[in-house]
């Protein structure tokens, strides 16, 4: 008896007060929190031009679109429906006799809690047509936004699934390629051991393998060549993917325009060699005689400026850093001093990061700031927001920010890219 009452109470909680049937696509009215079928709410709001209505239970008005789907209630209704169907099977339909089936909407008189006549709707042919009709009636001004939000969430889930699959595929390929490379390396080591008359790691132990089992250098060389070709093909695919993503994510970089930067040889220190295309700078192996004096050329600091200057907008460019002990890159004022030896810092009109004695540093004032990174990035991107007075640096590969200088006032003076080369054989190259 108690179980029957519990089932009855659950069914009452899962029943719409308008149609006296199980909730179908239940929605909750936001002003009062009462729940109804979506189609029932549509009938309550059908006579209003703007899609507003009032709650059938408390008469509290609700604005157009003033409801939201109640998915939790829908799950409860599904569970109660399953429970009731089980009770019907166990009790031989007794529960069905005690709870009369819902009458057709066109034959049922309005309930006391309903303030909207229903005879003007016309008899719906089936539940699907009723739902479609309700969806049409319940399209509020904000419905388009809700639809867009649903699409955004769907695209988010799709993106996560695609990237998850890509990560899984990359992980599998990495494991397989490294395993194959390890197998190839072991084969080469064993072949070297056989040629030397024994295993170099087990001196004094005579080889016990037969001649047929010995690695063959020609086969290993062919396998290495095949692996190298696959590696090159994989590298080409990755580069194409990076290009596609770079183009598609251009707007996500905060509106920064990619600058095509080249170096100005007229500003280069005599010990700096600029490549013919103006994209690379390196130290000369042997210093040359200083060229005739020029107000543009650095005389003491081994620096070189870019040809391009920026006095407005947002710009970004990347510099590839080859291994070397001392180097720096960033931006400098147009009229940064060319004579004398001084520290590179914002106080001198230079905003840069670099490596000094193996430590990556931001060249801040009054002293440099040590940057504790797991590794020195291979490509560093410079982001210049002239109007905001901001100069920032990030790892161009991982897109992790390295350092951002405090906002500065550039006072209308042009800023130009800057490279500095120290004592080592560093090579700095502007990426195309």
Protein backbone atom coordinates (compact mmCIF):
# COMPACT_ATOMS: atom_id res chain seq x y z
CA UNK A 1 0.00 0.00 0.00
CA UNK A 2 2.78 2.35 0.94
CA UNK A 3 4.58 1.55 -2.31
CA UNK A 4 1.41 2.30 -4.27
CA UNK A 5 1.06 5.68 -2.59
CA UNK A 6 4.69 6.50 -3.33
CA UNK A 7 4.19 5.70 -7.00
CA UNK A 8 1.03 7.81 -7.04
CA UNK A 9 2.83 10.75 -5.45
CA UNK A 10 5.68 10.46 -7.92
CA UNK A 11 3.25 10.43 -10.80
CA UNK A 12 1.55 13.54 -9.51
CA UNK A 13 4.91 15.30 -9.31
CA UNK A 14 5.63 14.25 -12.90
CA UNK A 15 2.25 15.43 -14.20
CA UNK A 16 1.65 18.76 -15.92
CA UNK A 17 -1.07 20.83 -14.24
CA UNK A 18 -2.45 21.92 -17.62
CA UNK A 19 -2.75 18.72 -19.65
CA UNK A 20 -2.82 16.32 -16.64
CA UNK A 21 -0.36 14.05 -18.42
CA UNK A 22 3.31 13.30 -17.97
CA UNK A 23 5.50 16.32 -18.67
CA UNK A 24 6.60 16.38 -22.30
CA UNK A 25 9.66 18.52 -22.96
CA UNK A 26 9.16 20.33 -19.63
CA UNK A 27 10.14 23.97 -19.26
CA UNK A 28 10.39 26.10 -16.12
CA UNK A 29 8.94 29.61 -16.01
CA UNK A 30 11.72 31.86 -14.77
CA UNK A 31 9.61 34.40 -12.82
CA UNK A 32 7.84 31.82 -10.58
CA UNK A 33 9.66 28.50 -11.06
CA UNK A 34 6.58 26.45 -12.01
CA UNK A 35 7.00 23.70 -14.62
CA UNK A 36 4.76 22.85 -17.58
CA UNK A 37 4.94 21.10 -20.91
CA UNK A 38 6.47 23.24 -23.62
CA UNK A 39 3.30 22.96 -25.72
CA UNK A 40 1.15 23.96 -22.74
CA UNK A 41 3.17 27.11 -22.22
CA UNK A 42 2.75 27.83 -25.91
CA UNK A 43 -1.02 27.71 -25.56
CA UNK A 44 -0.83 30.06 -22.59
CA UNK A 45 1.08 32.60 -24.67
CA UNK A 46 -0.65 32.15 -28.02
CA UNK A 47 -2.90 35.22 -27.83
CA UNK A 48 -0.08 37.61 -26.98
CA UNK A 49 1.51 39.38 -29.90
CA UNK A 50 4.96 39.46 -28.30
CA UNK A 51 4.91 35.91 -26.93
CA UNK A 52 4.38 36.88 -23.28
CA UNK A 53 1.94 35.09 -21.00
CA UNK A 54 1.01 34.31 -17.40
CA UNK A 55 1.57 31.24 -15.27
CA UNK A 56 -1.52 28.94 -15.21
CA UNK A 57 -0.99 28.29 -11.48
CA UNK A 58 -0.05 31.63 -9.92
CA UNK A 59 -1.00 34.05 -12.75
CA UNK A 60 2.44 35.66 -12.53
CA UNK A 61 3.30 37.15 -15.94
CA UNK A 62 6.34 35.92 -17.82
CA UNK A 63 8.10 37.82 -20.62
CA UNK A 64 8.80 36.46 -24.11
CA UNK A 65 11.31 33.68 -23.75
CA UNK A 66 10.94 33.79 -19.96
CA UNK A 67 11.42 30.06 -19.54
CA UNK A 68 14.15 27.48 -19.90
CA UNK A 69 14.23 23.70 -20.49
CA UNK A 70 14.17 21.65 -17.27
CA UNK A 71 16.33 18.70 -18.21
CA UNK A 72 16.51 17.38 -14.65
CA UNK A 73 12.71 17.17 -14.50
CA UNK A 74 12.66 15.45 -17.89
CA UNK A 75 14.99 12.76 -16.51
CA UNK A 76 12.77 12.33 -13.43
CA UNK A 77 9.68 12.02 -15.63
CA UNK A 78 11.36 9.32 -17.69
CA UNK A 79 12.21 7.38 -14.54
CA UNK A 80 8.68 7.76 -13.12
CA UNK A 81 7.15 6.68 -16.43
CA UNK A 82 9.31 3.55 -16.39
CA UNK A 83 8.32 2.88 -12.78
CA UNK A 84 4.61 3.33 -13.51
CA UNK A 85 4.78 1.00 -16.47
CA UNK A 86 6.39 -1.59 -14.21
CA UNK A 87 3.61 -1.12 -11.64
CA UNK A 88 1.02 -1.60 -14.37
CA UNK A 89 2.57 -4.93 -15.30
CA UNK A 90 2.75 -6.09 -11.67
CA UNK A 91 -0.77 -4.95 -10.66
CA UNK A 92 -2.54 -6.07 -13.79
CA UNK A 93 -3.44 -2.60 -14.88
CA UNK A 94 -4.93 -1.55 -11.51
CA UNK A 95 -2.98 1.67 -11.50
CA UNK A 96 -4.22 2.45 -14.99
CA UNK A 97 -7.81 2.00 -13.79
CA UNK A 98 -7.22 4.25 -10.80
CA UNK A 99 -5.60 7.00 -12.87
CA UNK A 100 -7.87 7.85 -15.82
CA UNK A 101 -6.18 8.46 -19.14
CA UNK A 102 -5.80 12.03 -20.29
CA UNK A 103 -8.68 13.19 -22.40
CA UNK A 104 -8.07 14.72 -25.83
CA UNK A 105 -7.33 18.40 -25.55
CA UNK A 106 -10.25 19.40 -27.70
CA UNK A 107 -12.77 17.54 -25.46
CA UNK A 108 -11.40 18.65 -22.09
CA UNK A 109 -12.78 21.69 -20.33
CA UNK A 110 -10.29 24.28 -19.12
CA UNK A 111 -8.92 23.58 -15.67
CA UNK A 112 -9.65 26.12 -12.91
CA UNK A 113 -6.00 27.15 -12.96
CA UNK A 114 -6.05 27.94 -16.66
CA UNK A 115 -6.99 31.42 -17.76
CA UNK A 116 -6.67 30.84 -21.51
CA UNK A 117 -9.46 29.23 -23.58
CA UNK A 118 -8.26 26.28 -25.60
CA UNK A 119 -11.03 25.76 -28.12
CA UNK A 120 -9.44 28.18 -30.61
CA UNK A 121 -6.36 26.05 -31.08
CA UNK A 122 -8.02 23.38 -33.15
CA UNK A 123 -7.42 19.69 -32.55
CA UNK A 124 -3.79 18.71 -33.02
CA UNK A 125 -3.43 15.65 -35.18
CA UNK A 126 -0.52 14.18 -33.22
CA UNK A 127 2.07 15.04 -30.60
CA UNK A 128 4.76 15.88 -33.14
CA UNK A 129 2.60 18.50 -34.85
CA UNK A 130 1.77 19.96 -31.46
CA UNK A 131 5.44 20.25 -30.57
CA UNK A 132 6.26 21.89 -33.88
CA UNK A 133 3.42 24.31 -33.35
CA UNK A 134 4.65 25.06 -29.85
CA UNK A 135 8.16 25.69 -31.13
CA UNK A 136 6.75 28.19 -33.61
CA UNK A 137 4.69 29.97 -30.98
CA UNK A 138 7.57 30.03 -28.50
CA UNK A 139 10.17 31.66 -30.69
CA UNK A 140 10.95 34.78 -28.62
CA UNK A 141 13.24 37.61 -29.67
CA UNK A 142 16.02 35.95 -27.69
CA UNK A 143 15.42 32.57 -29.27
CA UNK A 144 18.07 33.20 -31.90
CA UNK A 145 20.64 33.83 -29.16
CA UNK A 146 19.71 30.57 -27.43
CA UNK A 147 20.06 28.74 -30.72
CA UNK A 148 23.46 30.31 -31.29
CA UNK A 149 24.56 29.38 -27.76
CA UNK A 150 23.56 25.79 -28.46
CA UNK A 151 25.58 25.85 -31.67
CA UNK A 152 28.58 27.31 -29.82
CA UNK A 153 28.45 24.49 -27.29
CA UNK A 154 28.11 21.93 -30.08
CA UNK A 155 31.14 23.39 -31.87
CA UNK A 156 33.07 23.33 -28.59
CA UNK A 157 32.34 19.66 -28.08
CA UNK A 158 33.26 18.97 -31.71
CA UNK A 159 36.56 20.84 -31.32
CA UNK A 160 37.45 18.94 -28.15
CA UNK A 161 36.67 15.65 -29.88
CA UNK A 162 38.78 16.55 -32.93
CA UNK A 163 41.74 17.75 -30.88
CA UNK A 164 41.48 14.74 -28.58
CA UNK A 165 41.59 12.42 -31.57
CA UNK A 166 44.52 14.37 -33.02
CA UNK A 167 46.45 14.12 -29.74
CA UNK A 168 45.77 10.40 -29.60
CA UNK A 169 46.92 9.91 -33.19
CA UNK A 170 50.07 11.95 -32.61
CA UNK A 171 50.82 9.96 -29.46
CA UNK A 172 50.45 6.66 -31.31
CA UNK A 173 52.63 7.83 -34.17
CA UNK A 174 55.26 9.10 -31.74
CA UNK A 175 55.40 5.78 -29.89
CA UNK A 176 55.58 3.79 -33.11
CA UNK A 177 58.24 5.97 -34.76
CA UNK A 178 60.42 6.10 -31.64
CA UNK A 179 60.15 2.33 -31.25
CA UNK A 180 61.16 1.81 -34.85
CA UNK A 181 64.06 4.24 -34.48
CA UNK A 182 65.19 2.46 -31.32
CA UNK A 183 65.07 -0.88 -33.13
CA UNK A 184 67.14 0.58 -35.94
CA UNK A 185 69.69 1.97 -33.51
CA UNK A 186 70.06 -1.35 -31.73
CA UNK A 187 70.57 -3.02 -35.08
CA UNK A 188 73.36 -0.60 -35.97
CA UNK A 189 75.03 -1.13 -32.58
CA UNK A 190 74.86 -4.87 -32.99
CA UNK A 191 76.27 -4.63 -36.50
CA UNK A 192 79.13 -2.54 -35.17
CA UNK A 193 79.72 -5.13 -32.48
CA UNK A 194 79.89 -7.96 -35.01
CA UNK A 195 82.34 -6.04 -37.18
CA UNK A 196 84.56 -5.51 -34.12
CA UNK A 197 84.51 -9.20 -33.27
CA UNK A 198 82.20 -8.88 -30.28
CA UNK A 199 79.70 -6.76 -28.40
CA UNK A 200 81.42 -3.56 -27.25
CA UNK A 201 79.18 -3.46 -24.16
CA UNK A 202 80.10 -7.03 -23.13
CA UNK A 203 83.83 -7.19 -23.57
CA UNK A 204 85.29 -10.65 -23.44
CA UNK A 205 82.00 -12.41 -24.23
CA UNK A 206 82.10 -14.20 -27.54
CA UNK A 207 79.08 -13.73 -29.82
CA UNK A 208 76.75 -16.72 -29.85
CA UNK A 209 74.52 -15.78 -32.78
CA UNK A 210 74.69 -17.57 -36.06
CA UNK A 211 75.71 -15.85 -39.26
CA UNK A 212 72.13 -15.76 -40.49
CA UNK A 213 71.04 -13.74 -37.45
CA UNK A 214 73.67 -11.07 -37.78
CA UNK A 215 72.39 -7.60 -38.80
CA UNK A 216 73.19 -6.71 -42.38
CA UNK A 217 74.48 -3.17 -42.89
CA UNK A 218 72.84 -2.80 -46.30
CA UNK A 219 69.43 -3.73 -44.94
CA UNK A 220 69.87 -1.34 -42.02
CA UNK A 221 70.90 1.45 -44.37
CA UNK A 222 67.80 0.88 -46.53
CA UNK A 223 65.59 0.89 -43.45
CA UNK A 224 67.19 4.12 -42.25
CA UNK A 225 66.60 5.74 -45.65
CA UNK A 226 62.94 4.69 -45.57
CA UNK A 227 62.56 6.08 -42.06
CA UNK A 228 64.18 9.36 -43.12
CA UNK A 229 61.72 9.76 -46.00
CA UNK A 230 58.75 9.15 -43.70
CA UNK A 231 60.18 11.63 -41.22
CA UNK A 232 60.53 14.29 -43.93
CA UNK A 233 56.96 13.65 -45.11
CA UNK A 234 55.69 13.98 -41.54
CA UNK A 235 57.59 17.24 -41.10
CA UNK A 236 56.04 18.61 -44.30
CA UNK A 237 52.54 17.69 -43.11
CA UNK A 238 53.12 19.40 -39.77
CA UNK A 239 54.38 22.56 -41.47
CA UNK A 240 51.30 22.68 -43.71
CA UNK A 241 49.06 22.21 -40.68
CA UNK A 242 50.84 25.03 -38.85
CA UNK A 243 50.35 27.33 -41.85
CA UNK A 244 46.63 26.51 -42.04
CA UNK A 245 46.12 27.08 -38.32
CA UNK A 246 48.14 30.29 -38.41
CA UNK A 247 45.83 31.66 -41.09
CA UNK A 248 42.61 30.51 -39.41
CA UNK A 249 43.65 31.86 -36.00
CA UNK A 250 44.86 35.23 -37.27
CA UNK A 251 41.92 37.06 -35.70
CA UNK A 252 42.40 35.27 -32.36
CA UNK A 253 45.77 36.96 -31.83
CA UNK A 254 44.15 40.16 -30.58
CA UNK A 255 44.13 41.95 -33.93
CA UNK A 256 47.92 42.00 -34.33
CA UNK A 257 49.06 42.28 -37.93
CA UNK A 258 51.96 40.11 -39.02
CA UNK A 259 54.87 42.34 -40.04
CA UNK A 260 57.36 41.40 -42.74
CA UNK A 261 60.57 42.55 -41.05
CA UNK A 262 64.03 42.88 -42.62
CA UNK A 263 67.27 44.33 -41.25
CA UNK A 264 68.87 47.61 -42.20
CA UNK A 265 72.61 47.00 -42.90
CA UNK A 266 73.27 50.75 -42.58
CA UNK A 267 72.62 50.47 -38.84
CA UNK A 268 74.65 47.27 -38.25
CA UNK A 269 77.72 47.30 -36.02
CA UNK A 270 80.93 46.57 -38.00
CA UNK A 271 81.15 43.08 -36.44
CA UNK A 272 77.61 42.12 -37.51
CA UNK A 273 77.06 40.48 -40.86
CA UNK A 274 73.57 40.90 -42.33
CA UNK A 275 72.41 38.31 -44.88
CA UNK A 276 71.66 39.49 -48.45
CA UNK A 277 67.90 39.07 -47.91
CA UNK A 278 68.09 41.12 -44.73
CA UNK A 279 66.49 38.44 -42.54
CA UNK A 280 69.50 37.06 -40.63
CA UNK A 281 72.31 38.53 -38.56
CA UNK A 282 75.44 36.87 -37.23
CA UNK A 283 78.82 37.88 -35.85
CA UNK A 284 81.73 38.00 -38.25
CA UNK A 285 84.47 35.46 -37.57
CA UNK A 286 87.09 38.15 -38.10
CA UNK A 287 86.19 41.80 -37.48
CA UNK A 288 86.49 44.03 -40.49
CA UNK A 289 87.75 47.57 -40.57
CA UNK A 290 85.09 50.00 -39.43
CA UNK A 291 83.29 51.56 -42.40
CA UNK A 292 83.15 55.31 -42.79
CA UNK A 293 81.37 57.00 -39.92
CA UNK A 294 77.59 57.20 -40.11
CA UNK A 295 75.04 58.58 -37.71
CA UNK A 296 72.89 55.49 -38.28
CA UNK A 297 75.50 52.81 -37.45
CA UNK A 298 76.03 51.40 -33.95
CA UNK A 299 79.67 51.95 -32.97
CA UNK A 300 79.99 50.25 -29.57
CA UNK A 301 77.01 47.94 -29.10
CA UNK A 302 76.77 45.02 -31.53
CA UNK A 303 73.22 45.92 -32.60
CA UNK A 304 71.26 46.24 -35.83
CA UNK A 305 67.82 47.73 -36.43
CA UNK A 306 65.03 46.68 -38.75
CA UNK A 307 64.13 48.71 -41.80
CA UNK A 308 60.49 48.91 -40.78
CA UNK A 309 59.27 51.43 -38.22
CA UNK A 310 55.95 51.48 -36.39
CA UNK A 311 54.20 54.57 -35.03
CA UNK A 312 50.67 53.18 -34.70
CA UNK A 313 48.66 49.96 -34.63
CA UNK A 314 49.42 46.44 -33.44
CA UNK A 315 52.20 44.41 -35.04
CA UNK A 316 53.90 41.08 -34.43
CA UNK A 317 56.87 39.21 -35.86
CA UNK A 318 58.91 36.19 -34.86
CA UNK A 319 62.66 35.65 -34.58
CA UNK A 320 64.32 32.25 -34.81
CA UNK A 321 67.15 31.84 -32.32
CA UNK A 322 70.03 29.49 -33.07
CA UNK A 323 72.08 28.17 -30.13
CA UNK A 324 74.47 30.77 -28.82
CA UNK A 325 75.46 32.20 -25.46
CA UNK A 326 74.60 35.90 -25.78
CA UNK A 327 71.84 37.58 -27.78
CA UNK A 328 68.82 39.86 -27.41
CA UNK A 329 65.83 40.86 -29.53
CA UNK A 330 62.99 43.36 -29.24
CA UNK A 331 62.21 46.92 -30.28
CA UNK A 332 64.00 50.25 -29.94
CA UNK A 333 63.14 53.88 -30.42
CA UNK A 334 63.99 55.40 -33.77
CA UNK A 335 66.59 57.68 -32.23
CA UNK A 336 68.17 55.24 -29.76
CA UNK A 337 71.80 56.30 -29.16
CA UNK A 338 74.27 54.82 -31.65
CA UNK A 339 77.49 55.85 -29.89
CA UNK A 340 78.84 54.71 -26.56
CA UNK A 341 78.31 51.55 -24.55
CA UNK A 342 75.23 51.42 -22.34
CA UNK A 343 72.79 48.88 -20.99
CA UNK A 344 69.80 47.97 -23.12
CA UNK A 345 66.63 48.85 -21.17
CA UNK A 346 63.43 50.91 -21.48
CA UNK A 347 65.31 53.80 -19.86
CA UNK A 348 67.52 53.83 -22.97
CA UNK A 349 64.59 53.32 -25.37
CA UNK A 350 64.94 49.54 -25.77
CA UNK A 351 62.40 46.85 -24.86
CA UNK A 352 63.99 43.43 -25.32
CA UNK A 353 64.53 39.94 -23.94
CA UNK A 354 67.70 37.92 -24.39
CA UNK A 355 70.11 35.35 -23.11
CA UNK A 356 73.13 36.21 -21.03
CA UNK A 357 75.49 33.60 -19.56
CA UNK A 358 72.97 30.85 -20.24
CA UNK A 359 70.08 32.65 -18.48
CA UNK A 360 67.06 34.07 -20.30
CA UNK A 361 66.37 37.60 -19.09
CA UNK A 362 64.07 40.53 -19.72
CA UNK A 363 66.16 43.67 -20.08
CA UNK A 364 64.29 45.74 -17.51
CA UNK A 365 65.42 48.81 -15.58
CA UNK A 366 67.30 49.23 -13.25
CA UNK A 367 68.38 45.57 -13.50
CA UNK A 368 67.42 42.65 -15.78
CA UNK A 369 64.66 40.25 -14.75
CA UNK A 370 65.53 36.54 -14.84
CA UNK A 371 62.96 34.43 -16.69
CA UNK A 372 62.72 30.91 -15.35
CA UNK A 373 61.59 28.79 -18.29
CA UNK A 374 61.99 25.07 -18.81
CA UNK A 375 63.87 25.78 -22.03
CA UNK A 376 64.87 28.68 -24.22
CA UNK A 377 62.30 28.99 -27.03
CA UNK A 378 63.52 28.32 -30.54
CA UNK A 379 61.26 31.02 -31.96
CA UNK A 380 60.28 34.13 -30.02
CA UNK A 381 57.42 36.35 -31.14
CA UNK A 382 57.46 40.08 -30.49
CA UNK A 383 54.04 41.73 -30.07
CA UNK A 384 53.93 45.53 -30.25
CA UNK A 385 50.77 47.41 -29.32
CA UNK A 386 51.82 50.97 -30.05
CA UNK A 387 48.60 52.66 -28.94
CA UNK A 388 48.54 50.69 -25.69
CA UNK A 389 52.25 51.24 -25.05
CA UNK A 390 52.77 47.50 -24.68
CA UNK A 391 55.66 45.29 -25.76
CA UNK A 392 55.29 41.57 -25.04
CA UNK A 393 57.13 38.38 -25.95
CA UNK A 394 55.93 34.81 -26.23
CA UNK A 395 57.07 31.39 -27.40
CA UNK A 396 55.98 31.31 -31.04
CA UNK A 397 55.64 27.52 -30.99
CA UNK A 398 53.77 26.92 -27.72
CA UNK A 399 52.13 30.41 -27.69
CA UNK A 400 53.06 30.79 -24.00
CA UNK A 401 53.79 34.36 -22.94
CA UNK A 402 57.40 34.90 -21.88
CA UNK A 403 57.34 38.48 -20.60
CA UNK A 404 55.34 41.70 -20.98
CA UNK A 405 56.84 45.09 -20.20
CA UNK A 406 54.77 47.60 -18.23
CA UNK A 407 52.89 50.10 -20.43
CA UNK A 408 55.09 52.89 -21.76
CA UNK A 409 54.51 56.22 -23.52
CA UNK A 410 56.15 56.19 -26.96
CA UNK A 411 55.29 59.87 -27.54
CA UNK A 412 54.77 59.44 -31.29
CA UNK A 413 58.36 58.27 -31.95
CA UNK A 414 58.72 55.34 -34.32
CA UNK A 415 59.81 51.97 -32.95
CA UNK A 416 62.01 49.63 -34.97
CA UNK A 417 62.91 45.94 -34.47
CA UNK A 418 66.30 45.44 -32.79
CA UNK A 419 68.79 42.56 -32.56
CA UNK A 420 71.87 42.39 -30.36
CA UNK A 421 74.63 39.78 -30.68
CA UNK A 422 77.07 39.03 -27.87
CA UNK A 423 80.29 37.05 -27.78
CA UNK A 424 79.01 33.70 -29.08
CA UNK A 425 78.23 32.42 -32.58
CA UNK A 426 74.51 33.23 -32.28
CA UNK A 427 72.37 33.53 -35.40
CA UNK A 428 69.10 35.46 -35.29
CA UNK A 429 66.70 35.12 -38.19
CA UNK A 430 63.38 36.84 -38.82
CA UNK A 431 60.76 34.25 -39.70
CA UNK A 432 58.90 34.88 -42.96
